Structure formats: C-alpha cells, structure tokens
Amino acid sequence: MRFPGSGVAAIGSMTVLLAGLPAAHAIRPDECEQQRALYPAVWADVSREQPLFDCASHYAGSLRIKLGPTDASGRTLMSLVPLKWFGQTALEDPASTIYRIWLDKEQVDRLKAGKYFATIVRKESSCWVRGNLDKDPIFLLDNADPPADTPDAGSFYNKAPRTSAFEGDAYECKPVK
C-alpha cells in the first residue's frame, strides 16, 4: 500500500541526512606534484643547509639534522641526512633516503634548543592525501640528559626515558660543533 506523499518525504529525509555529512573534498589531479613542488628541485642537495645535530643509533646508523632556507612565510626546511662513518669522520650520504619537512618558527626554536620536538617527515616520493601520510616516519628529538635511575644502566632504561627516535630506533643526538 502506498501513502500519498511518501516519496517526497523519503527524499526530504535523505536530503537532511546527507546534508549533515562532512563534504568530501576533491583532490587536485596533480596533488602529488603540487606537494613535491614545495621542496627543492634537487631533493638530495643539502649542501647549503646548516647542520644542527648528529644523531647516532646503536642499530640503525647515524643521521645529521640540518636546517635549510626560510621561505617568505617564515617556514624553515628541516632535513634528516644519513651519515656514513670512515674512522672518526662522518660524511653525509645524500645517495641514501633523505627525509624533509617544513617547520614553523616555534618548531625551529624548539629544535635548535634540543627541547622535546616531534614531527612527521617525508621522503621525496611522499604524497599525503586525506590524512594518509604514506607510511612516512615520525622523528622525535629530546636532548634532555637525565641521570640514570640506577647506576648500572643508562637513562634509556629509566622509568621515564628521554630519548630521540626515528623509524623505531632510539638515537642519541649531539650538537654539531
């Protein structure tokens, strides 16, 4: 049995329901290229960036944290550059994956001070769409150097450890002299 006007009521109810949903934003067809264009044309060229910290991991090797130019909006480019060691000398290895991200002034100040700082970093091929960060890693810097809880273990084993980390490995970071 059909009721007069039931089709109109159903359409009206559906319209109200759909109006309450958040609008899906279309992405540009060249979204990934637009994101990549925000970074230096030669991704691996970190030669004009200033080194801040050298970070060493027991298992994952070493990284150099560098700051590049500041853009017109006040954002500064940060790069994580893998290092290769030759005896006591560390050389940057731009042939390996370099991770980058733009930082605002507050982030730069925290990074320079070695205070608790965390950000996601991207590789050259990264393309972030609708919250998908393309499995890009989080970089964490915490240069606090608390005393060890016990005399027979380092502060990494403290009940409240303070450490730097990248891609699942702990790092110890020292300012570059």
Protein backbone atom coordinates (compact mmCIF):
# COMPACT_ATOMS: atom_id res chain seq x y z
CA MET A 1 0.00 0.00 0.00
CA ARG A 2 1.38 3.40 -0.97
CA PHE A 3 0.82 6.52 1.04
CA PRO A 4 0.41 9.80 -0.82
CA GLY A 5 3.50 11.99 -0.50
CA SER A 6 5.69 9.21 0.98
CA GLY A 7 8.20 9.50 -1.88
CA VAL A 8 8.60 13.23 -1.28
CA ALA A 9 9.03 12.66 2.47
CA ALA A 10 11.67 9.98 1.86
CA ILE A 11 13.62 12.27 -0.48
CA GLY A 12 13.37 15.11 2.04
CA SER A 13 14.64 12.83 4.86
CA MET A 14 17.53 11.62 2.71
CA THR A 15 18.47 15.21 1.88
CA VAL A 16 18.59 16.12 5.58
CA LEU A 17 20.76 13.08 6.32
CA LEU A 18 23.20 13.79 3.51
CA ALA A 19 23.44 17.49 4.40
CA GLY A 20 24.72 16.50 7.85
CA LEU A 21 27.68 14.53 6.46
CA PRO A 22 31.00 16.27 6.07
CA ALA A 23 31.72 17.19 2.48
CA ALA A 24 34.37 15.16 0.72
CA HIS A 25 36.98 17.42 -0.77
CA ALA A 26 38.21 16.50 -4.19
CA ILE A 27 41.94 16.43 -4.60
CA ARG A 28 43.67 18.09 -7.49
CA PRO A 29 44.67 15.68 -10.28
CA ASP A 30 48.27 16.79 -9.79
CA GLU A 31 48.18 16.77 -5.97
CA CYS A 32 51.39 14.80 -5.54
CA GLU A 33 53.27 17.02 -7.98
CA GLN A 34 51.96 20.14 -6.18
CA GLN A 35 53.25 18.81 -2.84
CA ARG A 36 56.64 17.88 -4.31
CA ALA A 37 56.99 21.38 -5.83
CA LEU A 38 57.09 22.86 -2.30
CA TYR A 39 60.55 21.33 -1.83
CA PRO A 40 63.91 21.89 -3.55
CA ALA A 41 64.05 20.69 -7.16
CA VAL A 42 67.07 18.52 -6.37
CA TRP A 43 65.83 16.63 -3.31
CA ALA A 44 69.26 15.28 -2.32
CA ASP A 45 71.03 18.67 -2.43
CA VAL A 46 71.52 19.60 1.23
CA SER A 47 74.87 21.32 0.63
CA ARG A 48 73.67 24.81 1.63
CA GLU A 49 71.85 23.68 4.78
CA GLN A 50 73.28 24.23 8.25
CA PRO A 51 73.98 21.16 10.42
CA LEU A 52 72.44 21.24 13.91
CA PHE A 53 72.78 17.75 15.39
CA ASP A 54 74.45 14.46 14.62
CA CYS A 55 72.38 11.55 15.88
CA ALA A 56 73.67 8.01 16.38
CA SER A 57 71.72 4.80 16.87
CA HIS A 58 73.21 1.56 18.13
CA TYR A 59 71.32 -0.40 15.48
CA ALA A 60 70.33 2.00 12.69
CA GLY A 61 73.41 4.10 11.94
CA SER A 62 73.66 7.87 12.07
CA LEU A 63 71.74 10.92 10.87
CA ARG A 64 72.51 14.61 10.60
CA ILE A 65 69.73 17.09 11.30
CA LYS A 66 70.06 20.17 9.09
CA LEU A 67 68.14 23.41 8.60
CA GLY A 68 67.77 24.93 5.17
CA PRO A 69 66.44 28.24 3.95
CA THR A 70 63.48 30.06 5.46
CA ASP A 71 60.70 30.91 2.99
CA ALA A 72 58.71 34.15 2.69
CA SER A 73 56.09 32.77 5.12
CA GLY A 74 58.70 32.17 7.84
CA ARG A 75 58.86 28.38 7.44
CA THR A 76 62.27 26.68 7.51
CA LEU A 77 63.22 23.46 5.78
CA MET A 78 64.50 20.64 8.02
CA SER A 79 66.34 17.66 6.56
CA LEU A 80 67.41 14.33 8.05
CA VAL A 81 70.51 13.17 6.18
CA PRO A 82 72.03 9.70 6.63
CA LEU A 83 75.73 9.63 7.59
CA LYS A 84 78.47 7.18 6.69
CA TRP A 85 81.41 6.83 9.02
CA PHE A 86 85.00 6.50 7.89
CA GLY A 87 87.01 6.02 11.08
CA GLN A 88 86.21 9.07 13.22
CA THR A 89 84.87 11.10 10.28
CA ALA A 90 81.17 11.27 9.40
CA LEU A 91 80.24 12.13 5.82
CA GLU A 92 76.75 12.91 4.59
CA ASP A 93 75.30 10.26 2.32
CA PRO A 94 72.78 12.07 0.07
CA ALA A 95 72.53 8.94 -2.11
CA SER A 96 70.51 7.37 0.75
CA THR A 97 66.95 8.42 1.57
CA ILE A 98 66.75 12.00 2.82
CA TYR A 99 63.69 12.99 4.82
CA ARG A 100 62.39 16.57 4.86
CA ILE A 101 59.65 18.78 6.27
CA TRP A 102 58.90 22.48 6.58
CA LEU A 103 58.85 23.81 10.17
CA ASP A 104 57.25 26.93 11.59
CA LYS A 105 59.22 29.35 13.79
CA GLU A 106 58.13 27.73 17.07
CA GLN A 107 59.21 24.29 15.83
CA VAL A 108 62.58 25.66 14.68
CA ASP A 109 63.15 27.28 18.09
CA ARG A 110 62.35 24.02 19.91
CA LEU A 111 64.55 22.02 17.54
CA LYS A 112 67.52 24.37 17.94
CA ALA A 113 67.14 24.24 21.72
CA GLY A 114 67.03 20.42 21.65
CA LYS A 115 63.73 20.51 23.54
CA TYR A 116 61.08 17.86 23.14
CA PHE A 117 60.19 18.06 19.46
CA ALA A 118 58.33 15.69 17.16
CA THR A 119 57.20 15.88 13.56
CA ILE A 120 56.41 13.64 10.65
CA VAL A 121 58.98 13.74 7.87
CA ARG A 122 58.55 12.89 4.22
CA LYS A 123 60.67 11.23 1.58
CA GLU A 124 60.83 12.56 -1.98
CA SER A 125 58.09 10.22 -3.21
CA SER A 126 55.64 11.04 -0.41
CA CYS A 127 52.12 12.09 -1.33
CA TRP A 128 49.74 12.90 1.50
CA VAL A 129 46.05 12.63 0.66
CA ARG A 130 43.12 12.78 3.09
CA GLY A 131 45.15 12.03 6.20
CA ASN A 132 47.13 9.17 4.65
CA LEU A 133 50.72 10.02 5.46
CA ASP A 134 52.05 7.34 3.09
CA LYS A 135 53.77 5.44 5.91
CA ASP A 136 56.17 8.32 6.48
CA PRO A 137 58.02 8.16 9.81
CA ILE A 138 57.86 10.33 12.89
CA PHE A 139 61.07 11.99 14.02
CA LEU A 140 61.41 12.73 17.75
CA LEU A 141 64.18 14.78 19.32
CA ASP A 142 64.54 15.00 23.09
CA ASN A 143 68.00 16.12 24.11
CA ALA A 144 67.33 16.17 27.82
CA ASP A 145 70.05 14.21 29.55
CA PRO A 146 68.53 12.99 32.80
CA PRO A 147 70.57 10.96 35.29
CA ALA A 148 70.09 7.21 35.14
CA ASP A 149 67.64 5.71 37.64
CA THR A 150 70.20 3.06 38.55
CA PRO A 151 73.99 3.16 38.47
CA ASP A 152 74.25 0.06 36.28
CA ALA A 153 72.08 1.26 33.33
CA GLY A 154 71.85 4.32 31.12
CA SER A 155 68.95 6.78 31.13
CA PHE A 156 67.36 4.91 28.20
CA TYR A 157 66.26 2.34 30.80
CA ASN A 158 64.75 4.94 33.16
CA LYS A 159 61.16 4.52 34.25
CA ALA A 160 60.53 7.75 32.28
CA PRO A 161 63.09 7.56 29.45
CA ARG A 162 64.04 10.64 27.50
CA THR A 163 65.44 9.77 24.09
CA SER A 164 65.38 10.75 20.44
CA ALA A 165 63.85 8.30 17.98
CA PHE A 166 63.36 7.72 14.27
CA GLU A 167 61.84 4.79 12.38
CA GLY A 168 61.55 2.71 15.55
CA ASP A 169 65.14 3.16 16.72
CA ALA A 170 66.50 5.19 19.63
CA TYR A 171 69.10 7.84 18.83
CA GLU A 172 71.49 9.96 20.86
CA CYS A 173 71.85 13.43 19.34
CA LYS A 174 74.73 15.83 19.91
CA PRO A 175 75.06 19.40 18.63
CA VAL A 176 77.35 19.78 15.62
CA LYS A 177 80.36 21.89 16.51
